[in-house]
Amino acid sequence: MMTGKAGGQDERKERLAQALRDNLRRRKTQARESKEVETPQRPDDARG
């Protein structure tokens, strides 16, 4: 009887860990993209 509960908790933990990893990756890529977008625009703005 206890194996079902423990298995479900392990599954949930694995899903949560995977979701956290995906979120971290998304945040990193978004941060990189936003930096890449901002960097080339700054010299153009300065030139006028």
PDB file of N, CA and C in Angstrom:
ATOM      1  N   MET A   1       0.822  -1.216   0.000  1.00  0.00           N
ATOM      2  CA  MET A   1       0.000   0.000   0.000  1.00  0.00           C
ATOM      3  C   MET A   1       0.855   1.265   0.000  1.00  0.00           C
ATOM      4  N   MET A   2       1.981   1.237   0.691  1.00  0.00           N
ATOM      5  CA  MET A   2       2.804   2.438   0.814  1.00  0.00           C
ATOM      6  C   MET A   2       3.605   2.707  -0.463  1.00  0.00           C
ATOM      7  N   THR A   3       3.865   1.670  -1.242  1.00  0.00           N
ATOM      8  CA  THR A   3       4.675   1.865  -2.450  1.00  0.00           C
ATOM      9  C   THR A   3       3.992   2.832  -3.422  1.00  0.00           C
ATOM     10  N   GLY A   4       2.662   2.759  -3.540  1.00  0.00           N
ATOM     11  CA  GLY A   4       1.936   3.655  -4.437  1.00  0.00           C
ATOM     12  C   GLY A   4       2.126   5.110  -4.050  1.00  0.00           C
ATOM     13  N   LYS A   5       1.995   5.408  -2.763  1.00  0.00           N
ATOM     14  CA  LYS A   5       2.163   6.788  -2.281  1.00  0.00           C
ATOM     15  C   LYS A   5       3.587   7.276  -2.529  1.00  0.00           C
ATOM     16  N   ALA A   6       4.571   6.465  -2.141  1.00  0.00           N
ATOM     17  CA  ALA A   6       5.977   6.861  -2.301  1.00  0.00           C
ATOM     18  C   ALA A   6       6.291   7.074  -3.779  1.00  0.00           C
ATOM     19  N   GLY A   7       5.799   6.157  -4.632  1.00  0.00           N
ATOM     20  CA  GLY A   7       6.040   6.297  -6.069  1.00  0.00           C
ATOM     21  C   GLY A   7       5.456   7.589  -6.595  1.00  0.00           C
ATOM     22  N   GLY A   8       4.247   7.929  -6.166  1.00  0.00           N
ATOM     23  CA  GLY A   8       3.618   9.166  -6.605  1.00  0.00           C
ATOM     24  C   GLY A   8       4.412  10.380  -6.163  1.00  0.00           C
ATOM     25  N   GLN A   9       4.918  10.355  -4.956  1.00  0.00           N
ATOM     26  CA  GLN A   9       5.717  11.483  -4.450  1.00  0.00           C
ATOM     27  C   GLN A   9       7.010  11.616  -5.246  1.00  0.00           C
ATOM     28  N   ASP A  10       7.663  10.477  -5.532  1.00  0.00           N
ATOM     29  CA  ASP A  10       8.896  10.517  -6.311  1.00  0.00           C
ATOM     30  C   ASP A  10       8.623  11.106  -7.697  1.00  0.00           C
ATOM     31  N   GLU A  11       7.506  10.649  -8.290  1.00  0.00           N
ATOM     32  CA  GLU A  11       7.142  11.152  -9.619  1.00  0.00           C
ATOM     33  C   GLU A  11       6.936  12.659  -9.574  1.00  0.00           C
ATOM     34  N   ARG A  12       6.227  13.120  -8.546  1.00  0.00           N
ATOM     35  CA  ARG A  12       5.957  14.555  -8.401  1.00  0.00           C
ATOM     36  C   ARG A  12       7.261  15.317  -8.228  1.00  0.00           C
ATOM     37  N   LYS A  13       8.160  14.775  -7.403  1.00  0.00           N
ATOM     38  CA  LYS A  13       9.458  15.436  -7.174  1.00  0.00           C
ATOM     39  C   LYS A  13      10.235  15.529  -8.479  1.00  0.00           C
ATOM     40  N   GLU A  14      10.234  14.431  -9.249  1.00  0.00           N
ATOM     41  CA  GLU A  14      10.960  14.434 -10.522  1.00  0.00           C
ATOM     42  C   GLU A  14      10.365  15.474 -11.467  1.00  0.00           C
ATOM     43  N   ARG A  15       9.024  15.511 -11.518  1.00  0.00           N
ATOM     44  CA  ARG A  15       8.361  16.489 -12.388  1.00  0.00           C
ATOM     45  C   ARG A  15       8.691  17.904 -11.956  1.00  0.00           C
ATOM     46  N   LEU A  16       8.683  18.151 -10.639  1.00  0.00           N
ATOM     47  CA  LEU A  16       8.992  19.477 -10.114  1.00  0.00           C
ATOM     48  C   LEU A  16      10.433  19.858 -10.451  1.00  0.00           C
ATOM     49  N   ALA A  17      11.367  18.923 -10.246  1.00  0.00           N
ATOM     50  CA  ALA A  17      12.779  19.180 -10.546  1.00  0.00           C
ATOM     51  C   ALA A  17      12.947  19.511 -12.027  1.00  0.00           C
ATOM     52  N   GLN A  18      12.269  18.743 -12.886  1.00  0.00           N
ATOM     53  CA  GLN A  18      12.372  18.979 -14.327  1.00  0.00           C
ATOM     54  C   GLN A  18      11.792  20.345 -14.685  1.00  0.00           C
ATOM     55  N   ALA A  19      10.674  20.697 -14.081  1.00  0.00           N
ATOM     56  CA  ALA A  19      10.049  21.996 -14.350  1.00  0.00           C
ATOM     57  C   ALA A  19      10.977  23.136 -13.925  1.00  0.00           C
ATOM     58  N   LEU A  20      11.610  22.975 -12.760  1.00  0.00           N
ATOM     59  CA  LEU A  20      12.526  24.011 -12.275  1.00  0.00           C
ATOM     60  C   LEU A  20      13.707  24.158 -13.232  1.00  0.00           C
ATOM     61  N   ARG A  21      14.218  23.014 -13.715  1.00  0.00           N
ATOM     62  CA  ARG A  21      15.339  23.060 -14.663  1.00  0.00           C
ATOM     63  C   ARG A  21      14.923  23.771 -15.947  1.00  0.00           C
ATOM     64  N   ASP A  22      13.733  23.426 -16.453  1.00  0.00           N
ATOM     65  CA  ASP A  22      13.248  24.060 -17.679  1.00  0.00           C
ATOM     66  C   ASP A  22      13.094  25.568 -17.476  1.00  0.00           C
ATOM     67  N   ASN A  23      12.522  25.967 -16.341  1.00  0.00           N
ATOM     68  CA  ASN A  23      12.335  27.392 -16.049  1.00  0.00           C
ATOM     69  C   ASN A  23      13.673  28.117 -16.005  1.00  0.00           C
ATOM     70  N   LEU A  24      14.664  27.488 -15.372  1.00  0.00           N
ATOM     71  CA  LEU A  24      15.981  28.107 -15.271  1.00  0.00           C
ATOM     72  C   LEU A  24      16.581  28.290 -16.659  1.00  0.00           C
ATOM     73  N   ARG A  25      16.465  27.244 -17.493  1.00  0.00           N
ATOM     74  CA  ARG A  25      16.999  27.334 -18.845  1.00  0.00           C
ATOM     75  C   ARG A  25      16.307  28.451 -19.622  1.00  0.00           C
ATOM     76  N   ARG A  26      14.974  28.524 -19.497  1.00  0.00           N
ATOM     77  CA  ARG A  26      14.217  29.563 -20.197  1.00  0.00           C
ATOM     78  C   ARG A  26      14.652  30.944 -19.753  1.00  0.00           C
ATOM     79  N   ARG A  27      14.820  31.121 -18.443  1.00  0.00           N
ATOM     80  CA  ARG A  27      15.237  32.426 -17.912  1.00  0.00           C
ATOM     81  C   ARG A  27      16.620  32.794 -18.446  1.00  0.00           C
ATOM     82  N   LYS A  28      17.526  31.814 -18.467  1.00  0.00           N
ATOM     83  CA  LYS A  28      18.886  32.081 -18.958  1.00  0.00           C
ATOM     84  C   LYS A  28      18.861  32.491 -20.420  1.00  0.00           C
ATOM     85  N   THR A  29      18.112  31.748 -21.241  1.00  0.00           N
ATOM     86  CA  THR A  29      18.056  32.076 -22.665  1.00  0.00           C
ATOM     87  C   THR A  29      17.393  33.429 -22.876  1.00  0.00           C
ATOM     88  N   GLN A  30      16.321  33.721 -22.129  1.00  0.00           N
ATOM     89  CA  GLN A  30      15.645  35.013 -22.265  1.00  0.00           C
ATOM     90  C   GLN A  30      16.589  36.147 -21.863  1.00  0.00           C
ATOM     91  N   ALA A  31      17.344  35.966 -20.780  1.00  0.00           N
ATOM     92  CA  ALA A  31      18.278  36.994 -20.330  1.00  0.00           C
ATOM     93  C   ALA A  31      19.341  37.226 -21.406  1.00  0.00           C
ATOM     94  N   ARG A  32      19.836  36.130 -22.000  1.00  0.00           N
ATOM     95  CA  ARG A  32      20.848  36.244 -23.054  1.00  0.00           C
ATOM     96  C   ARG A  32      20.269  36.983 -24.252  1.00  0.00           C
ATOM     97  N   GLU A  33      19.042  36.612 -24.660  1.00  0.00           N
ATOM     98  CA  GLU A  33      18.415  37.244 -25.816  1.00  0.00           C
ATOM     99  C   GLU A  33      18.199  38.737 -25.571  1.00  0.00           C
ATOM    100  N   SER A  34      17.703  39.086 -24.390  1.00  0.00           N
ATOM    101  CA  SER A  34      17.436  40.495 -24.097  1.00  0.00           C
ATOM    102  C   SER A  34      18.748  41.287 -24.102  1.00  0.00           C
ATOM    103  N   LYS A  35      19.817  40.690 -23.603  1.00  0.00           N
ATOM    104  CA  LYS A  35      21.119  41.380 -23.617  1.00  0.00           C
ATOM    105  C   LYS A  35      21.585  41.564 -25.055  1.00  0.00           C
ATOM    106  N   GLU A  36      21.431  40.528 -25.884  1.00  0.00           N
ATOM    107  CA  GLU A  36      21.853  40.620 -27.281  1.00  0.00           C
ATOM    108  C   GLU A  36      21.054  41.691 -28.022  1.00  0.00           C
ATOM    109  N   VAL A  37      19.777  41.801 -27.701  1.00  0.00           N
ATOM    110  CA  VAL A  37      18.916  42.790 -28.359  1.00  0.00           C
ATOM    111  C   VAL A  37      19.303  44.200 -27.907  1.00  0.00           C
ATOM    112  N   GLU A  38      19.560  44.381 -26.619  1.00  0.00           N
ATOM    113  CA  GLU A  38      19.880  45.708 -26.078  1.00  0.00           C
ATOM    114  C   GLU A  38      21.246  46.207 -26.553  1.00  0.00           C
ATOM    115  N   THR A  39      22.241  45.339 -26.583  1.00  0.00           N
ATOM    116  CA  THR A  39      23.621  45.755 -26.865  1.00  0.00           C
ATOM    117  C   THR A  39      23.774  46.463 -28.212  1.00  0.00           C
ATOM    118  N   PRO A  40      23.291  45.890 -29.338  1.00  0.00           N
ATOM    119  CA  PRO A  40      23.486  46.598 -30.617  1.00  0.00           C
ATOM    120  C   PRO A  40      22.685  47.889 -30.732  1.00  0.00           C
ATOM    121  N   GLN A  41      21.585  48.020 -29.984  1.00  0.00           N
ATOM    122  CA  GLN A  41      20.752  49.215 -30.083  1.00  0.00           C
ATOM    123  C   GLN A  41      21.427  50.421 -29.416  1.00  0.00           C
ATOM    124  N   ARG A  42      22.217  50.201 -28.385  1.00  0.00           N
ATOM    125  CA  ARG A  42      22.799  51.327 -27.645  1.00  0.00           C
ATOM    126  C   ARG A  42      23.709  52.204 -28.505  1.00  0.00           C
ATOM    127  N   PRO A  43      24.658  51.626 -29.278  1.00  0.00           N
ATOM    128  CA  PRO A  43      25.502  52.496 -30.120  1.00  0.00           C
ATOM    129  C   PRO A  43      24.678  53.247 -31.171  1.00  0.00           C
ATOM    130  N   ASP A  44      23.656  52.618 -31.734  1.00  0.00           N
ATOM    131  CA  ASP A  44      22.805  53.283 -32.722  1.00  0.00           C
ATOM    132  C   ASP A  44      22.113  54.497 -32.101  1.00  0.00           C
ATOM    133  N   ASP A  45      21.582  54.337 -30.903  1.00  0.00           N
ATOM    134  CA  ASP A  45      20.918  55.450 -30.212  1.00  0.00           C
ATOM    135  C   ASP A  45      21.928  56.577 -29.942  1.00  0.00           C
ATOM    136  N   ALA A  46      23.139  56.207 -29.560  1.00  0.00           N
ATOM    137  CA  ALA A  46      24.152  57.213 -29.233  1.00  0.00           C
ATOM    138  C   ALA A  46      24.520  58.007 -30.489  1.00  0.00           C
ATOM    139  N   ARG A  47      24.559  57.335 -31.644  1.00  0.00           N
ATOM    140  CA  ARG A  47      24.904  58.023 -32.896  1.00  0.00           C
ATOM    141  C   ARG A  47      23.795  59.015 -33.280  1.00  0.00           C
ATOM    142  N   GLY A  48      22.563  58.667 -32.962  1.00  0.00           N
ATOM    143  CA  GLY A  48      21.459  59.554 -33.307  1.00  0.00           C
ATOM    144  C   GLY A  48      21.058  59.364 -34.739  1.00  0.00           C
TER     145      GLY A  48
END
